[in-house]
Amino acid sequence: TTNGPVTIGESCVVNEKAVIGLTTTFESTPDEQQEQQQQQGHDGDASVVLENHVVVESKALVEGATVGEGTVVEVGAKVGKGAVVGKYCKIGPLCTVEPYEMVPDHTVIYGYNERRIDRSGADRSRAKTMEQHIDMLRKVEMAARRK
């Protein structure tokens, strides 16, 4: 993105066709975009932070300010500008986190943006699975380089 910095933590997976950072519409001029931001009452900070072990799947859009450790943003999901998503959340396929919304840790967003808190305590298991996934991707990449 050219709208602000993007920080990606360790062992994150961003799949192809995923978009990280603010998107701009080419139909409006920079002056019109700035005016829209001022009308909304926000400062226009466009930075995005993906903490460690975040997965962003294909066709997902993350414009949010922060996505917490271990969070999964599934296919076609959208995290709006300035949103803060907590640790170990799961944003289901085609679900939306509204701009400037704060999502608590361990929240699962599913269906028609319904929400629940995952109290299963599966954090360690998810982290281990993520590490195995990263290791597998590294092996596939190394094998592809040898060809």
N, C-alpha and C. Protein backbone atom coordinates (compact mmCIF):
# COMPACT_ATOMS: atom_id res chain seq x y z
N THR A 1 0.83 -1.18 0.00
CA THR A 1 0.00 0.00 0.00
C THR A 1 0.88 1.24 0.00
N THR A 2 0.40 2.29 -0.61
CA THR A 2 1.11 3.56 -0.60
C THR A 2 0.46 4.52 0.38
N ASN A 3 -0.55 4.07 1.09
CA ASN A 3 -1.30 4.94 2.00
C ASN A 3 -0.76 4.94 3.41
N GLY A 4 0.12 4.05 3.75
CA GLY A 4 0.67 3.99 5.10
C GLY A 4 1.49 2.73 5.27
N PRO A 5 2.25 2.66 6.37
CA PRO A 5 3.11 1.50 6.58
C PRO A 5 2.33 0.24 6.92
N VAL A 6 2.87 -0.90 6.50
CA VAL A 6 2.32 -2.21 6.84
C VAL A 6 3.41 -2.97 7.58
N THR A 7 3.10 -3.44 8.79
CA THR A 7 4.05 -4.21 9.58
C THR A 7 3.53 -5.63 9.70
N ILE A 8 4.34 -6.60 9.29
CA ILE A 8 3.93 -8.00 9.33
C ILE A 8 4.85 -8.74 10.29
N GLY A 9 4.25 -9.39 11.29
CA GLY A 9 5.00 -10.10 12.32
C GLY A 9 5.58 -11.42 11.82
N GLU A 10 6.19 -12.15 12.75
CA GLU A 10 6.81 -13.43 12.43
C GLU A 10 5.77 -14.50 12.12
N SER A 11 6.12 -15.39 11.23
CA SER A 11 5.32 -16.57 10.88
C SER A 11 3.90 -16.24 10.45
N CYS A 12 3.74 -15.12 9.75
CA CYS A 12 2.43 -14.78 9.19
C CYS A 12 2.31 -15.40 7.80
N VAL A 13 1.09 -15.70 7.41
CA VAL A 13 0.82 -16.21 6.07
C VAL A 13 -0.20 -15.29 5.41
N VAL A 14 0.20 -14.68 4.30
CA VAL A 14 -0.70 -13.83 3.52
C VAL A 14 -0.83 -14.50 2.16
N ASN A 15 -2.00 -15.04 1.89
CA ASN A 15 -2.21 -15.78 0.65
C ASN A 15 -2.37 -14.84 -0.54
N GLU A 16 -2.19 -15.41 -1.73
CA GLU A 16 -2.31 -14.60 -2.94
C GLU A 16 -3.72 -14.02 -3.05
N LYS A 17 -3.78 -12.86 -3.67
CA LYS A 17 -5.01 -12.10 -3.89
C LYS A 17 -5.59 -11.51 -2.61
N ALA A 18 -4.86 -11.61 -1.50
CA ALA A 18 -5.26 -10.91 -0.29
C ALA A 18 -4.74 -9.48 -0.39
N VAL A 19 -5.46 -8.55 0.21
CA VAL A 19 -5.05 -7.14 0.17
C VAL A 19 -4.83 -6.67 1.60
N ILE A 20 -3.65 -6.12 1.84
CA ILE A 20 -3.30 -5.58 3.15
C ILE A 20 -3.06 -4.10 2.99
N GLY A 21 -3.75 -3.28 3.77
CA GLY A 21 -3.60 -1.83 3.68
C GLY A 21 -4.82 -1.18 3.08
N LEU A 22 -4.88 0.13 3.22
CA LEU A 22 -6.03 0.86 2.70
C LEU A 22 -6.09 0.75 1.19
N THR A 23 -7.28 0.61 0.69
CA THR A 23 -7.47 0.61 -0.75
C THR A 23 -7.94 2.00 -1.14
N THR A 24 -7.56 2.44 -2.31
CA THR A 24 -8.00 3.74 -2.78
C THR A 24 -8.90 3.54 -3.98
N THR A 25 -9.85 4.41 -4.09
CA THR A 25 -10.69 4.37 -5.28
C THR A 25 -10.13 5.38 -6.26
N PHE A 26 -10.00 4.99 -7.48
CA PHE A 26 -9.43 5.87 -8.49
C PHE A 26 -10.47 6.86 -9.00
N GLU A 27 -11.69 6.75 -8.51
CA GLU A 27 -12.75 7.65 -8.94
C GLU A 27 -12.69 8.98 -8.20
N SER A 28 -12.01 9.05 -7.07
CA SER A 28 -11.93 10.30 -6.31
C SER A 28 -10.49 10.80 -6.28
N THR A 29 -10.37 12.11 -6.22
CA THR A 29 -9.05 12.73 -6.18
C THR A 29 -8.50 12.66 -4.75
N PRO A 30 -7.18 12.85 -4.57
CA PRO A 30 -6.62 12.86 -3.22
C PRO A 30 -7.27 13.91 -2.32
N ASP A 31 -7.61 15.06 -2.89
CA ASP A 31 -8.29 16.10 -2.09
C ASP A 31 -9.66 15.63 -1.61
N GLU A 32 -10.38 14.93 -2.50
CA GLU A 32 -11.70 14.42 -2.11
C GLU A 32 -11.57 13.35 -1.05
N GLN A 33 -10.53 12.50 -1.14
CA GLN A 33 -10.32 11.46 -0.13
C GLN A 33 -10.00 12.09 1.22
N GLN A 34 -9.15 13.12 1.23
CA GLN A 34 -8.80 13.79 2.48
C GLN A 34 -10.03 14.45 3.09
N GLU A 35 -10.84 15.06 2.25
CA GLU A 35 -12.07 15.70 2.74
C GLU A 35 -13.02 14.68 3.35
N GLN A 36 -13.13 13.50 2.73
CA GLN A 36 -13.97 12.44 3.27
C GLN A 36 -13.48 12.01 4.65
N GLN A 37 -12.16 11.86 4.80
CA GLN A 37 -11.59 11.47 6.09
C GLN A 37 -11.88 12.51 7.15
N GLN A 38 -11.77 13.79 6.80
CA GLN A 38 -12.04 14.85 7.76
C GLN A 38 -13.52 14.87 8.15
N GLN A 39 -14.39 14.62 7.19
CA GLN A 39 -15.83 14.59 7.49
C GLN A 39 -16.18 13.45 8.42
N GLN A 40 -15.44 12.34 8.30
CA GLN A 40 -15.69 11.19 9.17
C GLN A 40 -15.12 11.41 10.56
N GLY A 41 -14.30 12.44 10.72
CA GLY A 41 -13.74 12.74 12.04
C GLY A 41 -12.56 11.88 12.43
N HIS A 42 -11.85 11.31 11.47
CA HIS A 42 -10.70 10.47 11.76
C HIS A 42 -9.46 11.10 11.17
N ASP A 43 -8.32 10.80 11.74
CA ASP A 43 -7.07 11.46 11.37
C ASP A 43 -6.42 10.92 10.10
N GLY A 44 -6.95 9.87 9.53
CA GLY A 44 -6.40 9.35 8.28
C GLY A 44 -5.20 8.43 8.46
N ASP A 45 -4.92 7.97 9.69
CA ASP A 45 -3.82 7.04 9.90
C ASP A 45 -4.12 5.75 9.14
N ALA A 46 -3.21 5.39 8.26
CA ALA A 46 -3.46 4.25 7.39
C ALA A 46 -2.52 3.09 7.67
N SER A 47 -1.89 3.06 8.84
CA SER A 47 -0.96 1.97 9.12
C SER A 47 -1.71 0.69 9.46
N VAL A 48 -1.08 -0.44 9.13
CA VAL A 48 -1.65 -1.75 9.42
C VAL A 48 -0.58 -2.59 10.10
N VAL A 49 -0.95 -3.28 11.18
CA VAL A 49 -0.03 -4.17 11.87
C VAL A 49 -0.65 -5.56 11.95
N LEU A 50 0.05 -6.54 11.40
CA LEU A 50 -0.32 -7.94 11.57
C LEU A 50 0.67 -8.49 12.59
N GLU A 51 0.17 -8.88 13.75
CA GLU A 51 1.05 -9.43 14.77
C GLU A 51 1.48 -10.85 14.38
N ASN A 52 2.27 -11.51 15.20
CA ASN A 52 2.81 -12.84 14.88
C ASN A 52 1.71 -13.88 14.64
N HIS A 53 1.99 -14.80 13.72
CA HIS A 53 1.14 -15.98 13.45
C HIS A 53 -0.25 -15.63 12.90
N VAL A 54 -0.38 -14.53 12.21
CA VAL A 54 -1.66 -14.15 11.59
C VAL A 54 -1.74 -14.80 10.21
N VAL A 55 -2.94 -15.29 9.86
CA VAL A 55 -3.19 -15.85 8.53
C VAL A 55 -4.24 -15.00 7.85
N VAL A 56 -3.93 -14.55 6.63
CA VAL A 56 -4.89 -13.80 5.82
C VAL A 56 -5.08 -14.62 4.55
N GLU A 57 -6.27 -15.14 4.37
CA GLU A 57 -6.53 -16.04 3.24
C GLU A 57 -6.88 -15.26 1.97
N SER A 58 -7.00 -15.98 0.86
CA SER A 58 -7.24 -15.38 -0.45
C SER A 58 -8.46 -14.48 -0.46
N LYS A 59 -8.32 -13.39 -1.19
CA LYS A 59 -9.38 -12.41 -1.42
C LYS A 59 -9.87 -11.73 -0.15
N ALA A 60 -9.14 -11.85 0.94
CA ALA A 60 -9.48 -11.11 2.16
C ALA A 60 -8.90 -9.71 2.04
N LEU A 61 -9.55 -8.76 2.70
CA LEU A 61 -9.11 -7.37 2.70
C LEU A 61 -8.91 -6.94 4.14
N VAL A 62 -7.69 -6.52 4.47
CA VAL A 62 -7.38 -6.06 5.82
C VAL A 62 -6.94 -4.61 5.75
N GLU A 63 -7.85 -3.71 6.08
CA GLU A 63 -7.53 -2.29 6.15
C GLU A 63 -7.32 -1.88 7.60
N GLY A 64 -7.55 -2.81 8.52
CA GLY A 64 -7.56 -2.53 9.95
C GLY A 64 -6.24 -2.04 10.50
N ALA A 65 -6.30 -1.39 11.62
CA ALA A 65 -5.11 -0.86 12.27
C ALA A 65 -4.25 -1.98 12.85
N THR A 66 -4.87 -2.93 13.55
CA THR A 66 -4.11 -4.01 14.19
C THR A 66 -4.90 -5.31 14.12
N VAL A 67 -4.21 -6.38 13.75
CA VAL A 67 -4.78 -7.72 13.79
C VAL A 67 -3.91 -8.52 14.75
N GLY A 68 -4.52 -8.99 15.84
CA GLY A 68 -3.79 -9.63 16.93
C GLY A 68 -3.20 -10.98 16.60
N GLU A 69 -2.26 -11.37 17.44
CA GLU A 69 -1.52 -12.62 17.29
C GLU A 69 -2.46 -13.82 17.14
N GLY A 70 -2.11 -14.70 16.19
CA GLY A 70 -2.84 -15.95 16.01
C GLY A 70 -4.20 -15.83 15.36
N THR A 71 -4.55 -14.65 14.88
CA THR A 71 -5.86 -14.45 14.26
C THR A 71 -5.87 -14.97 12.83
N VAL A 72 -7.03 -15.50 12.42
CA VAL A 72 -7.21 -15.99 11.05
C VAL A 72 -8.31 -15.16 10.39
N VAL A 73 -7.97 -14.57 9.24
CA VAL A 73 -8.94 -13.82 8.44
C VAL A 73 -9.20 -14.70 7.22
N GLU A 74 -10.39 -15.28 7.16
CA GLU A 74 -10.67 -16.28 6.13
C GLU A 74 -11.04 -15.67 4.79
N VAL A 75 -11.27 -16.53 3.80
CA VAL A 75 -11.51 -16.15 2.41
C VAL A 75 -12.60 -15.09 2.29
N GLY A 76 -12.26 -13.98 1.63
CA GLY A 76 -13.23 -12.96 1.33
C GLY A 76 -13.67 -12.10 2.50
N ALA A 77 -13.08 -12.30 3.67
CA ALA A 77 -13.46 -11.50 4.83
C ALA A 77 -12.87 -10.09 4.71
N LYS A 78 -13.46 -9.15 5.43
CA LYS A 78 -12.99 -7.76 5.38
C LYS A 78 -12.83 -7.22 6.79
N VAL A 79 -11.65 -6.62 7.05
CA VAL A 79 -11.40 -5.90 8.30
C VAL A 79 -11.30 -4.44 7.91
N GLY A 80 -12.27 -3.65 8.37
CA GLY A 80 -12.35 -2.24 7.97
C GLY A 80 -11.24 -1.38 8.54
N LYS A 81 -11.11 -0.20 7.96
CA LYS A 81 -10.08 0.76 8.35
C LYS A 81 -10.16 1.09 9.84
N GLY A 82 -9.01 1.07 10.48
CA GLY A 82 -8.93 1.48 11.88
C GLY A 82 -9.45 0.46 12.87
N ALA A 83 -9.90 -0.69 12.39
CA ALA A 83 -10.41 -1.72 13.30
C ALA A 83 -9.26 -2.34 14.08
N VAL A 84 -9.55 -2.80 15.29
CA VAL A 84 -8.56 -3.49 16.10
C VAL A 84 -9.12 -4.87 16.43
N VAL A 85 -8.46 -5.90 15.93
CA VAL A 85 -8.90 -7.28 16.14
C VAL A 85 -7.98 -7.90 17.18
N GLY A 86 -8.55 -8.50 18.21
CA GLY A 86 -7.78 -9.07 19.31
C GLY A 86 -7.02 -10.32 18.92
N LYS A 87 -6.39 -10.93 19.92
CA LYS A 87 -5.59 -12.13 19.71
C LYS A 87 -6.48 -13.36 19.53
N TYR A 88 -6.01 -14.29 18.72
CA TYR A 88 -6.63 -15.60 18.50
C TYR A 88 -8.10 -15.50 18.08
N CYS A 89 -8.40 -14.53 17.23
CA CYS A 89 -9.75 -14.40 16.69
C CYS A 89 -9.84 -15.16 15.37
N LYS A 90 -11.06 -15.41 14.95
CA LYS A 90 -11.29 -16.06 13.66
C LYS A 90 -12.41 -15.28 12.97
N ILE A 91 -12.09 -14.72 11.82
CA ILE A 91 -13.08 -13.97 11.05
C ILE A 91 -13.44 -14.85 9.87
N GLY A 92 -14.66 -15.35 9.89
CA GLY A 92 -15.10 -16.34 8.93
C GLY A 92 -15.19 -15.83 7.51
N PRO A 93 -15.39 -16.74 6.56
CA PRO A 93 -15.48 -16.37 5.15
C PRO A 93 -16.58 -15.33 4.92
N LEU A 94 -16.23 -14.30 4.17
CA LEU A 94 -17.15 -13.23 3.76
C LEU A 94 -17.70 -12.41 4.92
N CYS A 95 -17.16 -12.56 6.12
CA CYS A 95 -17.60 -11.76 7.26
C CYS A 95 -16.88 -10.41 7.27
N THR A 96 -17.45 -9.46 8.02
CA THR A 96 -16.92 -8.11 8.03
C THR A 96 -16.73 -7.60 9.45
N VAL A 97 -15.57 -6.97 9.67
CA VAL A 97 -15.33 -6.19 10.88
C VAL A 97 -15.45 -4.74 10.43
N GLU A 98 -16.37 -4.01 11.03
CA GLU A 98 -16.66 -2.64 10.60
C GLU A 98 -15.48 -1.71 10.90
N PRO A 99 -15.35 -0.62 10.13
CA PRO A 99 -14.29 0.35 10.41
C PRO A 99 -14.35 0.85 11.85
N TYR A 100 -13.19 0.96 12.47
CA TYR A 100 -12.99 1.47 13.83
C TYR A 100 -13.63 0.60 14.92
N GLU A 101 -14.00 -0.61 14.58
CA GLU A 101 -14.57 -1.54 15.56
C GLU A 101 -13.44 -2.20 16.35
N MET A 102 -13.71 -2.53 17.61
CA MET A 102 -12.75 -3.26 18.43
C MET A 102 -13.33 -4.65 18.69
N VAL A 103 -12.59 -5.67 18.30
CA VAL A 103 -13.02 -7.06 18.46
C VAL A 103 -12.20 -7.67 19.60
N PRO A 104 -12.86 -8.17 20.66
CA PRO A 104 -12.13 -8.73 21.80
C PRO A 104 -11.35 -10.01 21.44
N ASP A 105 -10.36 -10.34 22.26
CA ASP A 105 -9.58 -11.56 22.08
C ASP A 105 -10.51 -12.78 22.02
N HIS A 106 -10.12 -13.78 21.24
CA HIS A 106 -10.80 -15.09 21.14
C HIS A 106 -12.19 -15.01 20.51
N THR A 107 -12.51 -13.94 19.80
CA THR A 107 -13.82 -13.81 19.17
C THR A 107 -13.85 -14.59 17.85
N VAL A 108 -14.95 -15.28 17.62
CA VAL A 108 -15.19 -15.96 16.35
C VAL A 108 -16.35 -15.23 15.67
N ILE A 109 -16.11 -14.74 14.46
CA ILE A 109 -17.16 -14.08 13.68
C ILE A 109 -17.53 -15.04 12.56
N TYR A 110 -18.80 -15.36 12.46
CA TYR A 110 -19.23 -16.39 11.52
C TYR A 110 -20.60 -16.03 10.95
N GLY A 111 -21.02 -16.78 9.93
CA GLY A 111 -22.35 -16.61 9.35
C GLY A 111 -22.60 -15.18 8.88
N TYR A 112 -23.69 -14.61 9.36
CA TYR A 112 -24.05 -13.24 9.02
C TYR A 112 -23.50 -12.29 10.07
N ASN A 113 -22.18 -12.34 10.25
CA ASN A 113 -21.46 -11.52 11.23
C ASN A 113 -21.91 -11.76 12.66
N GLU A 114 -22.34 -12.99 12.95
CA GLU A 114 -22.65 -13.35 14.33
C GLU A 114 -21.34 -13.57 15.07
N ARG A 115 -21.38 -13.42 16.39
CA ARG A 115 -20.15 -13.50 17.17
C ARG A 115 -20.32 -14.36 18.40
N ARG A 116 -19.21 -15.00 18.74
CA ARG A 116 -19.15 -15.75 19.99
C ARG A 116 -17.71 -15.72 20.48
N ILE A 117 -17.51 -16.01 21.74
CA ILE A 117 -16.17 -16.09 22.29
C ILE A 117 -15.77 -17.56 22.36
N ASP A 118 -14.59 -17.88 21.84
CA ASP A 118 -14.09 -19.25 21.86
C ASP A 118 -13.38 -19.46 23.19
N ARG A 119 -13.99 -20.24 24.06
CA ARG A 119 -13.42 -20.49 25.38
C ARG A 119 -12.81 -21.89 25.49
N SER A 120 -12.49 -22.48 24.35
CA SER A 120 -11.98 -23.85 24.35
C SER A 120 -10.54 -23.95 24.83
N GLY A 121 -9.83 -22.83 24.87
CA GLY A 121 -8.44 -22.86 25.30
C GLY A 121 -7.51 -23.49 24.29
N ALA A 122 -7.86 -23.41 23.03
CA ALA A 122 -7.10 -24.07 21.98
C ALA A 122 -5.95 -23.22 21.44
N ASP A 123 -5.57 -22.17 22.16
CA ASP A 123 -4.51 -21.26 21.69
C ASP A 123 -3.21 -21.98 21.39
N ARG A 124 -2.76 -22.79 22.33
CA ARG A 124 -1.48 -23.49 22.15
C ARG A 124 -1.55 -24.46 20.97
N SER A 125 -2.68 -25.12 20.84
CA SER A 125 -2.86 -26.06 19.74
C SER A 125 -2.82 -25.33 18.40
N ARG A 126 -3.49 -24.17 18.34
CA ARG A 126 -3.49 -23.38 17.11
C ARG A 126 -2.09 -22.89 16.77
N ALA A 127 -1.36 -22.45 17.78
CA ALA A 127 0.01 -21.96 17.55
C ALA A 127 0.89 -23.09 17.01
N LYS A 128 0.74 -24.29 17.57
CA LYS A 128 1.52 -25.44 17.11
C LYS A 128 1.15 -25.79 15.67
N THR A 129 -0.13 -25.79 15.36
CA THR A 129 -0.59 -26.08 14.00
C THR A 129 -0.05 -25.04 13.03
N MET A 130 -0.04 -23.78 13.45
CA MET A 130 0.48 -22.71 12.59
C MET A 130 1.96 -22.92 12.30
N GLU A 131 2.73 -23.29 13.31
CA GLU A 131 4.16 -23.55 13.11
C GLU A 131 4.37 -24.70 12.13
N GLN A 132 3.55 -25.75 12.25
CA GLN A 132 3.65 -26.88 11.33
C GLN A 132 3.31 -26.44 9.90
N HIS A 133 2.31 -25.58 9.77
CA HIS A 133 1.91 -25.05 8.46
C HIS A 133 3.06 -24.24 7.84
N ILE A 134 3.69 -23.39 8.64
CA ILE A 134 4.81 -22.58 8.17
C ILE A 134 5.97 -23.49 7.74
N ASP A 135 6.27 -24.51 8.54
CA ASP A 135 7.35 -25.45 8.18
C ASP A 135 7.06 -26.14 6.86
N MET A 136 5.82 -26.55 6.66
CA MET A 136 5.43 -27.20 5.41
C MET A 136 5.59 -26.25 4.23
N LEU A 137 5.20 -24.98 4.39
CA LEU A 137 5.35 -24.00 3.31
C LEU A 137 6.83 -23.77 2.99
N ARG A 138 7.68 -23.75 4.01
CA ARG A 138 9.11 -23.59 3.78
C ARG A 138 9.67 -24.76 2.96
N LYS A 139 9.24 -25.97 3.29
CA LYS A 139 9.71 -27.15 2.56
C LYS A 139 9.25 -27.12 1.11
N VAL A 140 8.01 -26.71 0.89
CA VAL A 140 7.48 -26.62 -0.48
C VAL A 140 8.27 -25.57 -1.26
N GLU A 141 8.55 -24.44 -0.63
CA GLU A 141 9.30 -23.38 -1.30
C GLU A 141 10.71 -23.84 -1.65
N MET A 142 11.37 -24.54 -0.72
CA MET A 142 12.73 -25.01 -0.99
C MET A 142 12.74 -26.03 -2.11
N ALA A 143 11.74 -26.91 -2.14
CA ALA A 143 11.64 -27.90 -3.21
C ALA A 143 11.41 -27.22 -4.56
N ALA A 144 10.61 -26.17 -4.56
CA ALA A 144 10.35 -25.44 -5.80
C ALA A 144 11.61 -24.74 -6.31
N ARG A 145 12.43 -24.26 -5.40
CA ARG A 145 13.68 -23.58 -5.80
C ARG A 145 14.67 -24.56 -6.42
N ARG A 146 14.65 -25.81 -5.98
CA ARG A 146 15.58 -26.81 -6.50
C ARG A 146 15.25 -27.22 -7.94
N LYS A 147 14.02 -27.04 -8.34
CA LYS A 147 13.59 -27.47 -9.68
C LYS A 147 14.11 -26.57 -10.76
